[in-house]
C-alpha atoms as a PDB file:
ATOM      1  CA  MET A   1      10.326 -12.345   5.730  1.00  0.00           C
ATOM      2  CA  GLU A   2       7.419 -10.965   7.804  1.00  0.00           C
ATOM      3  CA  ILE A   3       4.808  -8.814   6.138  1.00  0.00           C
ATOM      4  CA  MET A   4       1.722  -6.661   6.950  1.00  0.00           C
ATOM      5  CA  VAL A   5      -1.342  -7.616   5.853  1.00  0.00           C
ATOM      6  CA  PHE A   6      -3.958  -5.373   5.216  1.00  0.00           C
ATOM      7  CA  ASN A   7      -7.458  -4.746   3.307  1.00  0.00           C
ATOM      8  CA  LEU A   8      -7.827  -2.468   0.641  1.00  0.00           C
ATOM      9  CA  LEU A   9     -11.132  -2.509  -1.466  1.00  0.00           C
ATOM     10  CA  ASN A  10     -12.543  -5.757  -0.176  1.00  0.00           C
ATOM     11  CA  SER A  11      -9.211  -7.509  -0.851  1.00  0.00           C
ATOM     12  CA  THR A  12      -6.470  -8.599   1.025  1.00  0.00           C
ATOM     13  CA  TYR A  13      -2.805  -7.727   0.016  1.00  0.00           C
ATOM     14  CA  GLY A  14       0.674  -7.448   2.040  1.00  0.00           C
ATOM     15  CA  ILE A  15       3.685  -5.529   1.690  1.00  0.00           C
ATOM     16  CA  GLU A  16       7.138  -6.551   3.317  1.00  0.00           C
ATOM     17  CA  LEU A  17       7.327  -5.516   7.074  1.00  0.00           C
ATOM     18  CA  ASN A  18      10.812  -4.394   6.681  1.00  0.00           C
ATOM     19  CA  ARG A  19       9.532  -1.464   4.471  1.00  0.00           C
ATOM     20  CA  ILE A  20       7.402  -0.137   6.729  1.00  0.00           C
ATOM     21  CA  LYS A  21       8.756   3.014   8.560  1.00  0.00           C
ATOM     22  CA  GLY A  22       5.324   3.540  10.582  1.00  0.00           C
ATOM     23  CA  ILE A  23       1.396   3.459  10.891  1.00  0.00           C
ATOM     24  CA  LEU A  24      -0.545   6.754  10.780  1.00  0.00           C
ATOM     25  CA  VAL A  25      -4.326   6.951  11.921  1.00  0.00           C
ATOM     26  CA  TYR A  26      -5.755   8.836   9.104  1.00  0.00           C
ATOM     27  CA  SER A  27      -8.156  11.112  10.973  1.00  0.00           C
ATOM     28  CA  GLY A  28      -5.070  12.425  13.032  1.00  0.00           C
ATOM     29  CA  LEU A  29      -3.385  13.769   9.971  1.00  0.00           C
ATOM     30  CA  ILE A  30      -3.442  17.013   8.141  1.00  0.00           C
ATOM     31  CA  ILE A  31      -2.984  16.539   4.627  1.00  0.00           C
ATOM     32  CA  THR A  32      -2.259  19.524   2.531  1.00  0.00           C
ATOM     33  CA  PRO A  33      -3.875  18.674  -0.987  1.00  0.00           C
ATOM     34  CA  LEU A  34      -2.440  18.773  -4.289  1.00  0.00           C
ATOM     35  CA  TYR A  35      -3.560  19.710  -7.395  1.00  0.00           C
ATOM     36  CA  ASN A  36      -2.245  17.634  -9.845  1.00  0.00           C
ATOM     37  CA  GLU A  37      -3.723  15.309 -12.483  1.00  0.00           C
ATOM     38  CA  LYS A  38      -3.386  12.288 -10.528  1.00  0.00           C
ATOM     39  CA  GLU A  39      -6.170  12.292  -7.985  1.00  0.00           C
ATOM     40  CA  TRP A  40      -4.909   9.249  -6.378  1.00  0.00           C
ATOM     41  CA  ILE A  41      -1.737  11.553  -5.089  1.00  0.00           C
ATOM     42  CA  ILE A  42      -3.912  12.870  -2.306  1.00  0.00           C
ATOM     43  CA  GLY A  43      -1.527  15.329  -0.915  1.00  0.00           C
ATOM     44  CA  VAL A  44       1.043  15.979   1.671  1.00  0.00           C
ATOM     45  CA  THR A  45       1.693  15.351   5.270  1.00  0.00           C
ATOM     46  CA  ASN A  46       4.480  16.611   7.917  1.00  0.00           C
ATOM     47  CA  LEU A  47       6.226  13.055   9.564  1.00  0.00           C
ATOM     48  CA  ARG A  48       8.269  14.337  12.269  1.00  0.00           C
ATOM     49  CA  GLY A  49       9.481  17.223  10.255  1.00  0.00           C
ATOM     50  CA  GLU A  50      10.151  15.687   6.712  1.00  0.00           C
ATOM     51  CA  VAL A  51       7.256  16.342   4.191  1.00  0.00           C
ATOM     52  CA  ILE A  52       5.553  13.426   2.419  1.00  0.00           C
ATOM     53  CA  ALA A  53       3.737  12.685  -0.138  1.00  0.00           C
ATOM     54  CA  VAL A  54       0.230  10.691   0.389  1.00  0.00           C
ATOM     55  CA  VAL A  55      -1.111   8.027  -2.214  1.00  0.00           C
ATOM     56  CA  ASP A  56      -4.602   6.826  -1.529  1.00  0.00           C
ATOM     57  CA  LEU A  57      -4.744   3.072  -3.312  1.00  0.00           C
ATOM     58  CA  ARG A  58      -8.345   3.091  -3.350  1.00  0.00           C
ATOM     59  CA  LYS A  59      -8.322   5.937  -5.737  1.00  0.00           C
ATOM     60  CA  ARG A  60      -5.595   4.357  -7.919  1.00  0.00           C
ATOM     61  CA  PHE A  61      -7.275   1.069  -8.519  1.00  0.00           C
ATOM     62  CA  ALA A  62     -11.017   1.939  -8.148  1.00  0.00           C
ATOM     63  CA  ASN A  63     -11.195   5.660  -7.811  1.00  0.00           C
ATOM     64  CA  LYS A  64     -13.364   5.501  -4.720  1.00  0.00           C
ATOM     65  CA  ALA A  65     -12.532   6.399  -1.442  1.00  0.00           C
ATOM     66  CA  THR A  66     -14.457   6.470   2.105  1.00  0.00           C
ATOM     67  CA  TYR A  67     -12.628   7.596   5.094  1.00  0.00           C
ATOM     68  CA  ASP A  68     -13.379   6.176   8.674  1.00  0.00           C
ATOM     69  CA  GLU A  69     -12.030   5.526  11.848  1.00  0.00           C
ATOM     70  CA  ASN A  70     -10.347   2.568  10.663  1.00  0.00           C
ATOM     71  CA  THR A  71      -8.668   3.874   7.739  1.00  0.00           C
ATOM     72  CA  VAL A  72      -4.202   4.307   8.053  1.00  0.00           C
ATOM     73  CA  VAL A  73      -1.789   5.147   6.529  1.00  0.00           C
ATOM     74  CA  ILE A  74       1.612   2.727   6.323  1.00  0.00           C
ATOM     75  CA  VAL A  75       4.622   5.055   5.585  1.00  0.00           C
ATOM     76  CA  ILE A  76       6.579   3.142   3.345  1.00  0.00           C
ATOM     77  CA  LYS A  77      10.349   3.672   2.463  1.00  0.00           C
ATOM     78  CA  THR A  78      11.371   3.190  -1.236  1.00  0.00           C
ATOM     79  CA  ASN A  79      14.178   1.614  -2.998  1.00  0.00           C
ATOM     80  CA  GLU A  80      14.621   5.074  -4.204  1.00  0.00           C
ATOM     81  CA  ASN A  81      14.989   6.475  -0.742  1.00  0.00           C
ATOM     82  CA  LYS A  82      11.528   8.288  -0.539  1.00  0.00           C
ATOM     83  CA  ILE A  83       9.343   8.023   2.063  1.00  0.00           C
ATOM     84  CA  ILE A  84       5.883   7.580   0.981  1.00  0.00           C
ATOM     85  CA  GLY A  85       2.361   7.244   2.698  1.00  0.00           C
ATOM     86  CA  ILE A  86      -0.045   4.908   1.207  1.00  0.00           C
ATOM     87  CA  VAL A  87      -3.787   4.886   2.743  1.00  0.00           C
ATOM     88  CA  VAL A  88      -5.245   2.120   2.823  1.00  0.00           C
ATOM     89  CA  ASP A  89      -8.824   0.554   4.605  1.00  0.00           C
ATOM     90  CA  ASN A  90      -7.301  -1.186   7.702  1.00  0.00           C
ATOM     91  CA  ILE A  91      -4.468  -3.385   8.687  1.00  0.00           C
ATOM     92  CA  GLN A  92      -5.695  -7.314   9.755  1.00  0.00           C
ATOM     93  CA  LYS A  93      -2.148  -8.842  11.045  1.00  0.00           C
ATOM     94  CA  ILE A  94       1.618  -9.650  10.540  1.00  0.00           C
ATOM     95  CA  ALA A  95       2.409 -12.748   9.006  1.00  0.00           C
ATOM     96  CA  GLU A  96       5.112 -14.952   8.387  1.00  0.00           C
ATOM     97  CA  ILE A  97       6.518 -16.381   4.926  1.00  0.00           C
ATOM     98  CA  THR A  98       9.021 -17.570   3.303  1.00  0.00           C
ATOM     99  CA  ASN A  99      10.232 -17.065  -0.296  1.00  0.00           C
ATOM    100  CA  GLU A 100       9.004 -20.492  -1.558  1.00  0.00           C
ATOM    101  CA  ASN A 101       5.670 -19.364  -0.546  1.00  0.00           C
ATOM    102  CA  ILE A 102       5.373 -16.633  -2.995  1.00  0.00           C
ATOM    103  CA  MET A 103       3.543 -17.994  -6.092  1.00  0.00           C
ATOM    104  CA  ASN A 104       3.322 -16.333  -9.695  1.00  0.00           C
ATOM    105  CA  THR A 105       0.040 -14.264  -9.946  1.00  0.00           C
ATOM    106  CA  PRO A 106      -2.312 -16.275 -12.963  1.00  0.00           C
ATOM    107  CA  ASP A 107      -2.878 -14.902 -16.158  1.00  0.00           C
ATOM    108  CA  ILE A 108      -5.808 -13.147 -15.558  1.00  0.00           C
ATOM    109  CA  SER A 109      -6.751  -9.893 -13.934  1.00  0.00           C
ATOM    110  CA  ILE A 110      -7.572  -9.312 -10.625  1.00  0.00           C
ATOM    111  CA  GLY A 111      -7.909  -5.855 -10.498  1.00  0.00           C
ATOM    112  CA  MET A 112      -4.549  -4.026 -11.140  1.00  0.00           C
ATOM    113  CA  ASP A 113      -2.018  -4.323 -13.424  1.00  0.00           C
ATOM    114  CA  SER A 114       0.357  -7.401 -13.018  1.00  0.00           C
ATOM    115  CA  LYS A 115       3.659  -5.175 -12.678  1.00  0.00           C
ATOM    116  CA  TYR A 116       2.491  -4.127  -9.582  1.00  0.00           C
ATOM    117  CA  ILE A 117       2.190  -7.719  -7.954  1.00  0.00           C
ATOM    118  CA  GLN A 118       5.352  -9.116  -6.127  1.00  0.00           C
ATOM    119  CA  GLY A 119       3.163 -12.982  -5.804  1.00  0.00           C
ATOM    120  CA  LEU A 120       0.309 -14.404  -4.283  1.00  0.00           C
ATOM    121  CA  VAL A 121       0.806 -15.970  -0.976  1.00  0.00           C
ATOM    122  CA  GLN A 122      -1.109 -18.618   1.155  1.00  0.00           C
ATOM    123  CA  ILE A 123      -1.002 -17.248   4.575  1.00  0.00           C
ATOM    124  CA  ASP A 124      -2.930 -19.906   5.997  1.00  0.00           C
ATOM    125  CA  SER A 125      -5.640 -22.718   4.884  1.00  0.00           C
ATOM    126  CA  ASN A 126      -8.335 -20.075   4.042  1.00  0.00           C
ATOM    127  CA  GLU A 127      -6.430 -16.820   3.083  1.00  0.00           C
ATOM    128  CA  MET A 128      -4.730 -15.923  -0.100  1.00  0.00           C
ATOM    129  CA  VAL A 129      -2.475 -12.255   0.059  1.00  0.00           C
ATOM    130  CA  THR A 130      -1.551 -10.503  -2.654  1.00  0.00           C
ATOM    131  CA  LEU A 131       2.098  -9.190  -2.100  1.00  0.00           C
ATOM    132  CA  LEU A 132       2.520  -5.904  -3.570  1.00  0.00           C
ATOM    133  CA  ASN A 133       5.956  -4.581  -5.428  1.00  0.00           C
ATOM    134  CA  ILE A 134       5.657  -1.661  -3.444  1.00  0.00           C
ATOM    135  CA  ASP A 135       9.154  -0.304  -5.828  1.00  0.00           C
ATOM    136  CA  ILE A 136       7.334  -0.224  -8.930  1.00  0.00           C
ATOM    137  CA  LEU A 137       3.915   0.930  -7.371  1.00  0.00           C
ATOM    138  CA  LEU A 138       5.661   3.787  -5.538  1.00  0.00           C
ATOM    139  CA  SER A 139       8.195   4.423  -8.139  1.00  0.00           C
ATOM    140  CA  ILE A 140       9.348   7.963  -9.171  1.00  0.00           C
ATOM    141  CA  GLU A 141       7.964   7.362 -12.824  1.00  0.00           C
ATOM    142  CA  GLU A 142       4.265   5.868 -11.473  1.00  0.00           C
ATOM    143  CA  LEU A 143       4.101   8.748  -9.257  1.00  0.00           C
ATOM    144  CA  GLN A 144       5.035  11.682 -12.214  1.00  0.00           C
END
């Protein structure tokens, strides 16, 4: 399987490539703010005639966000057939992994609830990637 590797808050994460529907440059988006109790749901944008929610994972996990020319929005399709954009710092690369490469997460805290993590993957000799469980992270229950 292929994963998209990206940076978020000085850490490296991955998402299964087959879940990604597009990449958008943050600075080119018009995002209409939503006013709700979840500050990390930053608003909605129009993507080819479809209104999608935009979630800032940096605000979600560390309550901080800065935007620059490298900031991108990864557009993802969830198992609930929702299209959602997630804001990340930048995209590194596409990496090929196998299910055998996915390791369980340790019992220590790594900055986010373990239910959001599918596992850890060693993609080369000196880089470990946290593989996100998008179906839980972006589930209707989490977004409401």
